[in-house]
Amino acid sequence: MSPAVDLLRQLVQCETCDPPGREIEIATLVHERLTAAGLESTLDEFAPGRANVIGRVKGAGNCPAIVMSAHFDTMPPGTKPWEHDPFTAEIVDGKLYGRGAADMKSGMAAMIVAAERIAAGGDRLGGDVVLAFSAGESSNCLGAKRMVETGALEGAGVILVSEPSSMDVLLAEKGALWVRLIAHGKAGHRSGAAGDVGGGNNAIDRMLDALMALRSFTFDVPDHPLLGEPTINVGKVNGGMVVNLTADRCEAEVDIRPLPGMDPAEVERAILAHVGSDLDLERIDYKPPVETSADHPFAEICLGVTSDVQGAKAEPRGASYYSDATVLTPAFDLPMVIIGPGPLGMSGQTDEYVETAAVDQAVEVFERVAREWLD
């Protein structure tokens, strides 16, 4: 078993489902390992049980650092039975199974081993290799926001994120604009009796009309060459108090995935105009889309190294998900690239897995990318 796969087994066996997170156990494991390997390491428990780790292989200071980003937290295992226990890290036919195997403890393990190999090599690179491992990525990027607050990545030059990509080179990711639509009504009994003056006006009925209208909403923007078109999804609806009263309020939470260049305020205005201005719209959260040009030197390095390691030309692609880069890229002005050994689309799946060969391949890619960037 390779060092990266052995480490991945340990990481998967640390349960870090969010909620509640509880990343302190895995963060301590990683912090102690980095320290033992001679890296500088800081464990930042910024809330009870929630912790980031910033590790560093010191370079000569002649060029900006490369940041290697991953997150500790995972999705819950869900209610569907697993064939392979989600926290045993069982290996069968070259696949390691477990919650977080793909998203994204495999990327973290590969980044740690790559950094350890650089540190053990003895040759001092032109700049630092920084490991930025966060808590609460799925909880609104809590750990990444903490890194911004503390200025942990000041002076860095680029960021490499190891989210699942099937070892493809992803140069763009969609944003996430989450809004709440609110319909108002009047509470009242609806017995249907003649002359009933207590009848209400049902906010749920109004919301149903709005949601039906939302199905025909279109974004007036061209498709993105790597990301395709923006998307919209209603993820949560809540309304009413009891079954025998009309609802005086109904809420729907909507997930919009915008493309680079789209103004979130304009999107909100267009949606409200489409569903009806008698509804209220509140912004829950906005995570901006990010992208890096394929002709950026860092993107060219990542594409070249990945092509060489895989023996086939790597083409730039995009991701419909968001990562910690949505917070870190704009805050620290870091061009970002995503390369990860986890299969794209495996996140949150029952019997989540990663190919062990892909984990070892990622180690080689990450080490070579760092060396070329810091040469």
Protein backbone atom coordinates (compact mmCIF):
# COMPACT_ATOMS: atom_id res chain seq x y z
CA MET A 1 0.00 0.00 0.00
CA SER A 2 1.38 3.39 -0.99
CA PRO A 3 1.93 6.16 1.60
CA ALA A 4 -0.90 8.24 0.13
CA VAL A 5 -3.42 5.39 0.15
CA ASP A 6 -2.41 4.42 3.70
CA LEU A 7 -2.92 8.02 4.83
CA LEU A 8 -6.25 8.18 3.00
CA ARG A 9 -7.48 5.17 4.99
CA GLN A 10 -6.71 7.03 8.22
CA LEU A 11 -8.47 10.18 7.02
CA VAL A 12 -11.63 8.34 5.94
CA GLN A 13 -11.79 6.57 9.29
CA CYS A 14 -12.11 9.99 10.95
CA GLU A 15 -15.83 10.79 10.79
CA THR A 16 -16.24 14.44 9.76
CA CYS A 17 -19.80 14.60 8.44
CA ASP A 18 -21.17 18.12 8.34
CA PRO A 19 -23.33 18.73 10.24
CA PRO A 20 -21.85 18.79 12.81
CA GLY A 21 -18.33 18.71 11.36
CA ARG A 22 -16.13 17.80 14.32
CA GLU A 23 -12.99 18.34 12.25
CA ILE A 24 -10.74 18.74 15.29
CA GLU A 25 -9.82 15.02 15.36
CA ILE A 26 -8.71 14.84 11.74
CA ALA A 27 -7.13 18.30 11.93
CA THR A 28 -5.04 17.15 14.90
CA LEU A 29 -3.98 14.00 13.04
CA VAL A 30 -2.88 16.04 10.01
CA HIS A 31 -1.19 18.74 12.11
CA GLU A 32 0.85 16.16 14.03
CA ARG A 33 1.83 14.36 10.84
CA LEU A 34 2.99 17.55 9.14
CA THR A 35 4.98 18.56 12.20
CA ALA A 36 6.63 15.13 12.38
CA ALA A 37 7.61 15.48 8.71
CA GLY A 38 9.38 18.77 9.44
CA LEU A 39 6.79 21.12 7.98
CA GLU A 40 5.62 24.26 9.70
CA SER A 41 2.04 23.65 10.80
CA THR A 42 -0.63 25.67 12.58
CA LEU A 43 -3.86 24.20 13.92
CA ASP A 44 -6.56 26.84 14.24
CA GLU A 45 -9.62 25.69 16.20
CA PHE A 46 -11.73 28.73 15.38
CA ALA A 47 -14.95 27.34 16.90
CA PRO A 48 -15.61 24.39 19.22
CA GLY A 49 -14.62 21.28 17.26
CA ARG A 50 -14.11 23.23 14.00
CA ALA A 51 -10.49 23.57 12.92
CA ASN A 52 -8.28 24.55 9.98
CA VAL A 53 -4.70 23.48 9.41
CA ILE A 54 -2.14 25.58 7.55
CA GLY A 55 1.04 23.68 6.70
CA ARG A 56 4.08 25.09 4.96
CA VAL A 57 7.21 23.83 3.20
CA LYS A 58 9.46 26.86 3.30
CA GLY A 59 11.06 28.00 0.08
CA ALA A 60 13.69 30.57 -0.75
CA GLY A 61 11.18 33.41 -0.98
CA ASN A 62 12.02 34.23 -4.59
CA CYS A 63 8.49 33.70 -5.94
CA PRO A 64 4.93 33.64 -4.61
CA ALA A 65 3.76 30.49 -2.85
CA ILE A 66 1.54 27.79 -4.28
CA VAL A 67 -1.48 26.99 -2.10
CA MET A 68 -2.80 23.42 -2.07
CA SER A 69 -6.40 23.46 -0.87
CA ALA A 70 -8.66 20.72 0.51
CA HIS A 71 -11.41 20.47 3.14
CA PHE A 72 -11.84 18.11 6.09
CA ASP A 73 -15.64 17.92 6.20
CA THR A 74 -17.80 15.49 4.26
CA MET A 75 -21.47 15.01 3.54
CA PRO A 76 -23.42 12.61 5.80
CA PRO A 77 -23.61 8.99 4.58
CA GLY A 78 -27.37 9.28 3.95
CA THR A 79 -30.16 6.81 4.67
CA LYS A 80 -29.56 4.32 1.87
CA PRO A 81 -27.60 1.24 3.04
CA TRP A 82 -23.95 1.04 2.02
CA GLU A 83 -22.39 -2.17 0.74
CA HIS A 84 -19.08 -0.97 2.17
CA ASP A 85 -19.07 0.68 5.61
CA PRO A 86 -18.66 4.45 5.11
CA PHE A 87 -15.95 4.80 7.78
CA THR A 88 -13.92 1.58 7.43
CA ALA A 89 -12.01 2.60 4.28
CA GLU A 90 -12.25 -0.85 2.73
CA ILE A 91 -10.21 -1.47 -0.42
CA VAL A 92 -11.73 -3.78 -3.03
CA ASP A 93 -10.47 -4.28 -6.59
CA GLY A 94 -8.37 -1.14 -6.55
CA LYS A 95 -11.09 1.11 -5.11
CA LEU A 96 -11.08 2.59 -1.62
CA TYR A 97 -14.62 3.03 -0.33
CA GLY A 98 -15.82 5.47 2.32
CA ARG A 99 -17.47 8.80 2.95
CA GLY A 100 -15.02 11.43 1.81
CA ALA A 101 -12.92 9.02 -0.25
CA ALA A 102 -13.60 11.08 -3.36
CA ASP A 103 -14.74 14.38 -1.84
CA MET A 104 -12.09 15.12 -0.90
CA LYS A 105 -9.86 13.26 1.49
CA SER A 106 -8.09 11.53 -1.40
CA GLY A 107 -6.98 14.91 -2.71
CA MET A 108 -5.87 15.92 0.77
CA ALA A 109 -3.85 12.74 1.25
CA ALA A 110 -2.15 13.22 -2.11
CA MET A 111 -1.31 16.84 -1.31
CA ILE A 112 0.17 15.92 2.06
CA VAL A 113 2.39 13.20 0.60
CA ALA A 114 3.44 15.49 -2.27
CA ALA A 115 4.46 18.18 0.24
CA GLU A 116 6.29 15.61 2.37
CA ARG A 117 8.23 14.45 -0.69
CA ILE A 118 9.21 18.02 -1.51
CA ALA A 119 10.31 18.61 2.08
CA ALA A 120 12.32 15.39 2.17
CA GLY A 121 13.98 16.14 -1.17
CA GLY A 122 16.33 18.65 0.37
CA ASP A 123 16.26 21.05 -2.57
CA ARG A 124 14.77 24.36 -1.52
CA LEU A 125 12.23 25.61 -4.02
CA GLY A 126 11.85 29.23 -5.05
CA GLY A 127 8.76 29.76 -2.90
CA ASP A 128 6.63 28.12 -0.24
CA VAL A 129 4.27 25.20 -0.65
CA VAL A 130 1.27 26.00 1.55
CA LEU A 131 -1.27 23.37 2.58
CA ALA A 132 -4.58 25.08 3.33
CA PHE A 133 -6.97 22.53 4.83
CA SER A 134 -10.33 23.86 5.94
CA ALA A 135 -13.30 22.97 8.09
CA GLY A 136 -16.90 23.50 7.10
CA GLU A 137 -16.62 23.87 3.33
CA SER A 138 -20.15 22.48 3.03
CA SER A 139 -21.27 24.79 5.87
CA ASN A 140 -20.92 27.91 3.78
CA CYS A 141 -17.11 27.72 3.46
CA LEU A 142 -16.61 28.51 7.15
CA GLY A 143 -12.96 27.50 7.24
CA ALA A 144 -12.05 29.38 4.08
CA LYS A 145 -13.69 32.52 5.44
CA ARG A 146 -11.62 32.10 8.59
CA MET A 147 -8.45 31.99 6.45
CA VAL A 148 -9.50 35.29 4.90
CA GLU A 149 -10.10 36.81 8.34
CA THR A 150 -6.64 35.79 9.57
CA GLY A 151 -4.83 36.62 6.32
CA ALA A 152 -3.41 33.10 6.32
CA LEU A 153 -2.67 33.04 2.58
CA GLU A 154 -1.28 36.54 2.11
CA GLY A 155 1.54 36.63 -0.42
CA ALA A 156 0.52 33.45 -2.22
CA GLY A 157 0.52 33.37 -6.00
CA VAL A 158 -1.80 30.54 -7.10
CA ILE A 159 -4.17 27.97 -5.62
CA LEU A 160 -4.52 24.31 -6.57
CA VAL A 161 -7.75 22.72 -5.30
CA SER A 162 -8.11 18.93 -5.07
CA GLU A 163 -11.89 18.66 -5.38
CA PRO A 164 -13.06 15.61 -7.40
CA SER A 165 -12.24 16.09 -11.09
CA SER A 166 -11.39 12.56 -12.32
CA MET A 167 -7.88 14.03 -12.71
CA ASP A 168 -9.19 16.43 -15.35
CA VAL A 169 -7.93 20.02 -15.20
CA LEU A 170 -10.84 22.29 -14.26
CA LEU A 171 -10.29 26.00 -14.87
CA ALA A 172 -13.74 27.34 -13.96
CA GLU A 173 -16.49 26.71 -11.44
CA LYS A 174 -20.01 28.05 -11.25
CA GLY A 175 -21.05 30.31 -8.41
CA ALA A 176 -23.95 29.77 -6.03
CA LEU A 177 -26.64 32.40 -5.52
CA TRP A 178 -29.16 31.26 -2.91
CA VAL A 179 -32.35 33.29 -2.50
CA ARG A 180 -35.59 33.00 -0.57
CA LEU A 181 -38.91 33.81 -2.24
CA ILE A 182 -41.70 34.80 0.15
CA ALA A 183 -45.41 34.83 -0.66
CA HIS A 184 -47.86 36.50 1.72
CA GLY A 185 -51.49 35.61 2.40
CA LYS A 186 -54.10 35.87 5.11
CA ALA A 187 -54.78 33.21 7.72
CA GLY A 188 -58.36 32.05 8.08
CA HIS A 189 -60.65 29.01 8.31
CA ARG A 190 -61.73 27.69 4.94
CA SER A 191 -64.84 25.71 5.81
CA GLY A 192 -66.52 26.74 2.58
CA ALA A 193 -69.74 27.74 4.38
CA ALA A 194 -71.88 30.37 2.66
CA GLY A 195 -71.31 33.81 4.11
CA ASP A 196 -68.11 32.74 5.85
CA VAL A 197 -66.24 35.95 6.68
CA GLY A 198 -63.29 34.17 8.26
CA GLY A 199 -61.87 32.84 5.01
CA GLY A 200 -58.26 33.56 4.19
CA ASN A 201 -55.97 34.06 1.25
CA ASN A 202 -53.60 31.12 0.86
CA ALA A 203 -49.94 32.05 0.46
CA ILE A 204 -49.16 28.46 -0.58
CA ASP A 205 -51.43 28.82 -3.60
CA ARG A 206 -49.59 32.00 -4.55
CA MET A 207 -46.22 30.28 -4.15
CA LEU A 208 -47.35 27.36 -6.32
CA ASP A 209 -48.16 29.80 -9.09
CA ALA A 210 -44.77 31.47 -8.67
CA LEU A 211 -42.88 28.18 -8.76
CA MET A 212 -44.71 27.08 -11.89
CA ALA A 213 -43.72 30.40 -13.48
CA LEU A 214 -40.13 29.85 -12.35
CA ARG A 215 -39.95 26.67 -14.43
CA SER A 216 -40.14 28.79 -17.57
CA PHE A 217 -37.50 31.30 -16.42
CA THR A 218 -34.51 31.63 -18.74
CA PHE A 219 -31.20 33.42 -18.28
CA ASP A 220 -30.44 35.96 -20.98
CA VAL A 221 -26.74 35.07 -21.20
CA PRO A 222 -24.65 33.01 -23.64
CA ASP A 223 -23.36 29.60 -22.60
CA HIS A 224 -19.90 29.49 -21.05
CA PRO A 225 -17.35 27.44 -23.05
CA LEU A 226 -16.39 25.35 -19.99
CA LEU A 227 -19.49 25.61 -17.78
CA GLY A 228 -22.41 25.57 -20.19
CA GLU A 229 -25.52 27.41 -19.05
CA PRO A 230 -26.54 28.74 -15.62
CA THR A 231 -29.05 26.62 -13.70
CA ILE A 232 -31.84 27.14 -11.18
CA ASN A 233 -33.33 24.70 -8.68
CA VAL A 234 -35.96 24.97 -5.94
CA GLY A 235 -34.52 23.08 -3.00
CA LYS A 236 -36.86 23.82 -0.11
CA VAL A 237 -40.46 24.97 0.38
CA ASN A 238 -42.11 25.76 3.71
CA GLY A 239 -45.52 27.25 4.47
CA GLY A 240 -48.56 27.09 6.67
CA MET A 241 -49.18 26.52 10.38
CA VAL A 242 -51.87 23.87 10.66
CA VAL A 243 -53.92 21.91 8.14
CA ASN A 244 -57.22 23.70 8.79
CA LEU A 245 -55.96 27.26 8.31
CA THR A 246 -54.97 28.99 5.11
CA ALA A 247 -51.29 29.85 5.08
CA ASP A 248 -50.43 33.50 5.60
CA ARG A 249 -46.80 32.94 4.55
CA CYS A 250 -44.96 30.53 2.28
CA GLU A 251 -41.23 30.46 1.56
CA ALA A 252 -39.21 28.77 -1.17
CA GLU A 253 -35.42 28.58 -1.20
CA VAL A 254 -33.86 28.65 -4.64
CA ASP A 255 -30.35 27.66 -5.73
CA ILE A 256 -29.06 29.53 -8.78
CA ARG A 257 -25.70 28.59 -10.27
CA PRO A 258 -24.46 31.67 -12.17
CA LEU A 259 -21.64 31.93 -14.69
CA PRO A 260 -18.66 34.29 -14.53
CA GLY A 261 -19.70 37.81 -15.42
CA MET A 262 -23.31 37.52 -14.21
CA ASP A 263 -24.44 40.21 -11.76
CA PRO A 264 -26.31 38.56 -8.85
CA ALA A 265 -28.46 41.67 -8.29
CA GLU A 266 -29.58 41.63 -11.92
CA VAL A 267 -30.43 37.92 -11.65
CA GLU A 268 -32.54 38.60 -8.55
CA ARG A 269 -34.41 41.44 -10.24
CA ALA A 270 -35.10 39.30 -13.31
CA ILE A 271 -36.45 36.42 -11.21
CA LEU A 272 -38.72 38.67 -9.19
CA ALA A 273 -40.07 40.33 -12.33
CA HIS A 274 -40.80 36.89 -13.78
CA VAL A 275 -42.62 35.37 -10.79
CA GLY A 276 -44.43 38.53 -9.67
CA SER A 277 -43.41 41.63 -7.78
CA ASP A 278 -45.96 40.94 -5.01
CA LEU A 279 -43.49 38.35 -3.70
CA ASP A 280 -40.49 39.30 -1.59
CA LEU A 281 -36.99 38.10 -2.41
CA GLU A 282 -34.20 37.82 0.15
CA ARG A 283 -30.62 36.85 -0.59
CA ILE A 284 -29.44 33.96 1.59
CA ASP A 285 -25.88 33.72 0.28
CA TYR A 286 -23.73 34.44 -2.74
CA LYS A 287 -20.58 32.58 -3.70
CA PRO A 288 -19.09 34.08 -6.87
CA PRO A 289 -18.05 31.95 -9.85
CA VAL A 290 -14.31 31.86 -10.51
CA GLU A 291 -12.22 30.98 -13.54
CA THR A 292 -8.66 31.06 -14.79
CA SER A 293 -7.68 31.60 -18.40
CA ALA A 294 -6.22 28.56 -20.15
CA ASP A 295 -3.23 30.68 -21.22
CA HIS A 296 -2.34 31.68 -17.65
CA PRO A 297 1.13 30.29 -16.83
CA PHE A 298 -0.21 28.26 -13.90
CA ALA A 299 -2.98 26.74 -16.01
CA GLU A 300 -0.43 25.87 -18.68
CA ILE A 301 1.75 24.13 -16.09
CA CYS A 302 -1.19 22.12 -14.73
CA LEU A 303 -2.34 21.11 -18.21
CA GLY A 304 1.20 20.17 -19.26
CA VAL A 305 2.03 18.13 -16.16
CA THR A 306 -1.30 16.31 -16.17
CA SER A 307 -0.93 15.49 -19.86
CA ASP A 308 2.55 14.11 -19.27
CA VAL A 309 1.60 12.02 -16.23
CA GLN A 310 -1.53 10.60 -17.84
CA GLY A 311 0.03 10.08 -21.26
CA ALA A 312 -2.81 11.90 -23.01
CA LYS A 313 -3.49 15.56 -23.68
CA ALA A 314 -5.45 17.21 -20.88
CA GLU A 315 -8.16 19.60 -22.03
CA PRO A 316 -9.45 22.46 -19.86
CA ARG A 317 -12.86 21.78 -18.34
CA GLY A 318 -15.23 23.32 -15.78
CA ALA A 319 -17.22 22.31 -12.70
CA SER A 320 -20.83 22.96 -11.80
CA TYR A 321 -19.99 22.80 -8.09
CA TYR A 322 -18.33 25.48 -5.96
CA SER A 323 -15.23 25.01 -3.81
CA ASP A 324 -13.28 26.99 -1.23
CA ALA A 325 -11.82 28.83 -4.24
CA THR A 326 -15.04 30.88 -4.39
CA VAL A 327 -13.86 32.52 -1.16
CA LEU A 328 -10.07 32.30 -1.43
CA THR A 329 -9.58 33.28 -5.08
CA PRO A 330 -11.19 36.75 -4.89
CA ALA A 331 -9.92 37.46 -1.37
CA PHE A 332 -6.26 36.78 -2.11
CA ASP A 333 -6.32 37.35 -5.90
CA LEU A 334 -5.25 33.78 -6.60
CA PRO A 335 -5.64 32.16 -10.02
CA MET A 336 -7.16 28.75 -9.33
CA VAL A 337 -7.03 25.29 -10.90
CA ILE A 338 -8.90 22.19 -9.74
CA ILE A 339 -7.32 18.74 -10.09
CA GLY A 340 -8.46 15.87 -7.88
CA PRO A 341 -8.30 12.07 -7.94
CA GLY A 342 -11.94 11.63 -6.90
CA PRO A 343 -14.36 10.78 -9.71
CA LEU A 344 -16.32 13.81 -10.86
CA GLY A 345 -19.94 13.36 -9.75
CA MET A 346 -19.09 10.93 -6.92
CA SER A 347 -19.63 13.52 -4.17
CA GLY A 348 -22.32 12.47 -1.71
CA GLN A 349 -22.98 9.13 -3.40
CA THR A 350 -23.70 5.89 -1.55
CA ASP A 351 -20.58 3.67 -1.60
CA GLU A 352 -18.43 6.67 -2.48
CA TYR A 353 -15.01 5.54 -3.70
CA VAL A 354 -11.77 6.59 -5.31
CA GLU A 355 -9.40 4.57 -7.46
CA THR A 356 -6.21 3.99 -5.47
CA ALA A 357 -4.15 4.37 -8.66
CA ALA A 358 -5.63 7.85 -9.14
CA VAL A 359 -4.52 8.84 -5.64
CA ASP A 360 -0.92 7.90 -6.41
CA GLN A 361 -1.14 9.65 -9.77
CA ALA A 362 -2.35 12.79 -8.00
CA VAL A 363 0.72 12.76 -5.75
CA GLU A 364 2.97 12.88 -8.80
CA VAL A 365 0.92 15.61 -10.47
CA PHE A 366 0.79 17.79 -7.34
CA GLU A 367 4.51 17.47 -6.66
CA ARG A 368 5.48 18.24 -10.23
CA VAL A 369 3.09 21.18 -10.52
CA ALA A 370 4.52 22.69 -7.32
CA ARG A 371 8.10 22.20 -8.48
CA GLU A 372 7.44 23.73 -11.90
CA TRP A 373 5.55 26.72 -10.50
CA LEU A 374 8.23 27.40 -7.89
CA ASP A 375 11.19 26.71 -10.19
